[in-house]
Amino acid sequence: MLTQRETLQSGTGRRLLDELSGVERVDRTESIAQLAKTLGTSVPHASVAILIFGSTVTPSQLQAATVHIPLGVRVIAVSARPGAALSLRQIGELTLLTVGELTDFPLALRRANS
């Protein structure tokens, strides 16, 4: 798993959860497209890419970002919008989840996988 700062070990679910517990929010000036490009070149054989971002990223910016992710990689975009209702929608091949509360995240991922 690739974060903005490092690559996390994810051999097992427990190991991934342990690694994720140390991930902190980072203020970056890179666009979502630049982050997707970094992801696409750093992990070219990924089967799933999950992009997590704040409320300022637009659907058109997301579509532009997916161009940088290799074909065949499933893209799940997660928009963190405090107070928003949990929602799921498709934008082309991209699955967009909107999550208003951290406790909504597991249910959102289950919906994306159904």
C-alpha atoms as a PDB file:
ATOM      1  CA  MET A   1       0.000   0.000   0.000  1.00  0.00           C
ATOM      2  CA  LEU A   2       1.337   3.390  -1.003  1.00  0.00           C
ATOM      3  CA  THR A   3       0.622   6.506   1.061  1.00  0.00           C
ATOM      4  CA  GLN A   4       1.824  10.032   0.365  1.00  0.00           C
ATOM      5  CA  ARG A   5       4.819   9.423   2.640  1.00  0.00           C
ATOM      6  CA  GLU A   6       5.697   5.732   2.426  1.00  0.00           C
ATOM      7  CA  THR A   7       4.870   2.223   1.319  1.00  0.00           C
ATOM      8  CA  LEU A   8       3.020   0.183   3.943  1.00  0.00           C
ATOM      9  CA  GLN A   9       3.381  -3.559   4.473  1.00  0.00           C
ATOM     10  CA  SER A  10       0.080  -5.279   3.747  1.00  0.00           C
ATOM     11  CA  GLY A  11       0.752  -9.016   3.706  1.00  0.00           C
ATOM     12  CA  THR A  12      -2.180  -9.720   6.027  1.00  0.00           C
ATOM     13  CA  GLY A  13      -5.268  -7.807   7.120  1.00  0.00           C
ATOM     14  CA  ARG A  14      -3.936  -7.449  10.669  1.00  0.00           C
ATOM     15  CA  ARG A  15      -0.581  -6.174   9.423  1.00  0.00           C
ATOM     16  CA  LEU A  16      -2.292  -3.645   7.170  1.00  0.00           C
ATOM     17  CA  LEU A  17      -4.458  -2.367  10.027  1.00  0.00           C
ATOM     18  CA  ASP A  18      -1.357  -2.008  12.214  1.00  0.00           C
ATOM     19  CA  GLU A  19       0.417  -0.080   9.464  1.00  0.00           C
ATOM     20  CA  LEU A  20      -2.620   2.123   8.788  1.00  0.00           C
ATOM     21  CA  SER A  21      -2.802   3.116  12.467  1.00  0.00           C
ATOM     22  CA  GLY A  22       0.364   5.161  11.931  1.00  0.00           C
ATOM     23  CA  VAL A  23      -0.824   7.058   8.854  1.00  0.00           C
ATOM     24  CA  GLU A  24      -1.282  10.767   9.472  1.00  0.00           C
ATOM     25  CA  ARG A  25      -2.967  13.494   7.489  1.00  0.00           C
ATOM     26  CA  VAL A  26      -0.593  15.384   5.221  1.00  0.00           C
ATOM     27  CA  ASP A  27      -1.165  18.790   3.647  1.00  0.00           C
ATOM     28  CA  ARG A  28       0.117  18.532   0.096  1.00  0.00           C
ATOM     29  CA  THR A  29      -0.022  20.902  -2.822  1.00  0.00           C
ATOM     30  CA  GLU A  30      -0.055  18.150  -5.439  1.00  0.00           C
ATOM     31  CA  SER A  31      -3.222  17.689  -7.415  1.00  0.00           C
ATOM     32  CA  ILE A  32      -5.188  14.431  -7.327  1.00  0.00           C
ATOM     33  CA  ALA A  33      -3.977  13.863 -10.906  1.00  0.00           C
ATOM     34  CA  GLN A  34      -0.327  14.116  -9.813  1.00  0.00           C
ATOM     35  CA  LEU A  35      -0.961  11.708  -6.942  1.00  0.00           C
ATOM     36  CA  ALA A  36      -2.618   9.261  -9.348  1.00  0.00           C
ATOM     37  CA  LYS A  37       0.372   9.556 -11.686  1.00  0.00           C
ATOM     38  CA  THR A  38       2.729   8.759  -8.797  1.00  0.00           C
ATOM     39  CA  LEU A  39       0.566   5.788  -7.887  1.00  0.00           C
ATOM     40  CA  GLY A  40       0.471   4.538 -11.463  1.00  0.00           C
ATOM     41  CA  THR A  41       4.256   4.626 -11.834  1.00  0.00           C
ATOM     42  CA  SER A  42       5.105   3.412  -8.304  1.00  0.00           C
ATOM     43  CA  VAL A  43       2.698   0.461  -8.236  1.00  0.00           C
ATOM     44  CA  PRO A  44       2.039  -0.402 -11.891  1.00  0.00           C
ATOM     45  CA  HIS A  45       0.782  -3.945 -11.177  1.00  0.00           C
ATOM     46  CA  ALA A  46      -1.799  -3.009  -8.550  1.00  0.00           C
ATOM     47  CA  SER A  47      -5.229  -4.567  -8.989  1.00  0.00           C
ATOM     48  CA  VAL A  48      -7.088  -1.923  -6.956  1.00  0.00           C
ATOM     49  CA  ALA A  49      -6.306   1.743  -6.327  1.00  0.00           C
ATOM     50  CA  ILE A  50      -8.089   3.596  -3.532  1.00  0.00           C
ATOM     51  CA  LEU A  51      -7.750   7.371  -3.659  1.00  0.00           C
ATOM     52  CA  ILE A  52      -8.786   9.126  -0.440  1.00  0.00           C
ATOM     53  CA  PHE A  53      -9.160  12.909  -0.483  1.00  0.00           C
ATOM     54  CA  GLY A  54     -11.043  15.863   0.979  1.00  0.00           C
ATOM     55  CA  SER A  55     -14.093  17.697  -0.244  1.00  0.00           C
ATOM     56  CA  THR A  56     -12.352  20.087  -2.654  1.00  0.00           C
ATOM     57  CA  VAL A  57     -11.684  17.502  -5.388  1.00  0.00           C
ATOM     58  CA  THR A  58     -14.256  17.638  -8.190  1.00  0.00           C
ATOM     59  CA  PRO A  59     -15.605  14.752 -10.314  1.00  0.00           C
ATOM     60  CA  SER A  60     -13.872  16.181 -13.399  1.00  0.00           C
ATOM     61  CA  GLN A  61     -10.541  16.254 -11.518  1.00  0.00           C
ATOM     62  CA  LEU A  62     -11.106  12.607 -10.588  1.00  0.00           C
ATOM     63  CA  GLN A  63     -11.752  11.637 -14.189  1.00  0.00           C
ATOM     64  CA  ALA A  64      -8.567  13.429 -15.233  1.00  0.00           C
ATOM     65  CA  ALA A  65      -6.656  11.575 -12.505  1.00  0.00           C
ATOM     66  CA  THR A  66      -7.773   8.127 -13.647  1.00  0.00           C
ATOM     67  CA  VAL A  67      -5.943   8.614 -16.950  1.00  0.00           C
ATOM     68  CA  HIS A  68      -2.681   8.116 -15.006  1.00  0.00           C
ATOM     69  CA  ILE A  69      -3.694   4.785 -13.485  1.00  0.00           C
ATOM     70  CA  PRO A  70      -2.904   1.710 -15.592  1.00  0.00           C
ATOM     71  CA  LEU A  71      -5.727   0.028 -17.518  1.00  0.00           C
ATOM     72  CA  GLY A  72      -7.328  -2.844 -15.644  1.00  0.00           C
ATOM     73  CA  VAL A  73      -6.790  -1.320 -12.193  1.00  0.00           C
ATOM     74  CA  ARG A  74     -10.070  -0.899 -10.322  1.00  0.00           C
ATOM     75  CA  VAL A  75     -10.275   2.651  -8.958  1.00  0.00           C
ATOM     76  CA  ILE A  76     -12.247   3.439  -5.814  1.00  0.00           C
ATOM     77  CA  ALA A  77     -12.276   7.122  -4.902  1.00  0.00           C
ATOM     78  CA  VAL A  78     -13.254   8.097  -1.359  1.00  0.00           C
ATOM     79  CA  SER A  79     -14.342  11.682  -0.733  1.00  0.00           C
ATOM     80  CA  ALA A  80     -14.193  12.614   2.958  1.00  0.00           C
ATOM     81  CA  ARG A  81     -16.892  15.230   3.518  1.00  0.00           C
ATOM     82  CA  PRO A  82     -17.672  15.748   7.211  1.00  0.00           C
ATOM     83  CA  GLY A  83     -21.405  15.462   7.855  1.00  0.00           C
ATOM     84  CA  ALA A  84     -22.266  14.208   4.347  1.00  0.00           C
ATOM     85  CA  ALA A  85     -24.561  11.238   3.829  1.00  0.00           C
ATOM     86  CA  LEU A  86     -22.906   8.007   2.759  1.00  0.00           C
ATOM     87  CA  SER A  87     -23.250   7.615  -1.003  1.00  0.00           C
ATOM     88  CA  LEU A  88     -21.889   5.603  -3.901  1.00  0.00           C
ATOM     89  CA  ARG A  89     -21.914   6.466  -7.591  1.00  0.00           C
ATOM     90  CA  GLN A  90     -20.117   5.453 -10.744  1.00  0.00           C
ATOM     91  CA  ILE A  91     -18.240   7.985 -12.852  1.00  0.00           C
ATOM     92  CA  GLY A  92     -17.212   5.979 -15.878  1.00  0.00           C
ATOM     93  CA  GLU A  93     -15.091   3.100 -14.544  1.00  0.00           C
ATOM     94  CA  LEU A  94     -14.437   4.919 -11.261  1.00  0.00           C
ATOM     95  CA  THR A  95     -16.418   4.137  -8.100  1.00  0.00           C
ATOM     96  CA  LEU A  96     -16.916   7.295  -6.024  1.00  0.00           C
ATOM     97  CA  LEU A  97     -17.763   6.894  -2.352  1.00  0.00           C
ATOM     98  CA  THR A  98     -18.703   9.877  -0.218  1.00  0.00           C
ATOM     99  CA  VAL A  99     -18.130   9.332   3.485  1.00  0.00           C
ATOM    100  CA  GLY A 100     -19.309  11.805   6.119  1.00  0.00           C
ATOM    101  CA  GLU A 101     -18.174   9.893   9.203  1.00  0.00           C
ATOM    102  CA  LEU A 102     -15.207   7.581   9.737  1.00  0.00           C
ATOM    103  CA  THR A 103     -17.611   4.930  11.032  1.00  0.00           C
ATOM    104  CA  ASP A 104     -19.242   4.898   7.539  1.00  0.00           C
ATOM    105  CA  PHE A 105     -16.020   3.750   5.872  1.00  0.00           C
ATOM    106  CA  PRO A 106     -16.412  -0.050   6.326  1.00  0.00           C
ATOM    107  CA  LEU A 107     -20.002   0.034   5.032  1.00  0.00           C
ATOM    108  CA  ALA A 108     -18.922   2.214   2.099  1.00  0.00           C
ATOM    109  CA  LEU A 109     -16.245  -0.301   1.086  1.00  0.00           C
ATOM    110  CA  ARG A 110     -18.720  -3.186   1.368  1.00  0.00           C
ATOM    111  CA  ARG A 111     -21.114  -1.306  -0.917  1.00  0.00           C
ATOM    112  CA  ALA A 112     -18.331  -0.678  -3.412  1.00  0.00           C
ATOM    113  CA  ASN A 113     -17.551  -4.402  -3.505  1.00  0.00           C
ATOM    114  CA  SER A 114     -21.133  -5.602  -3.960  1.00  0.00           C
END
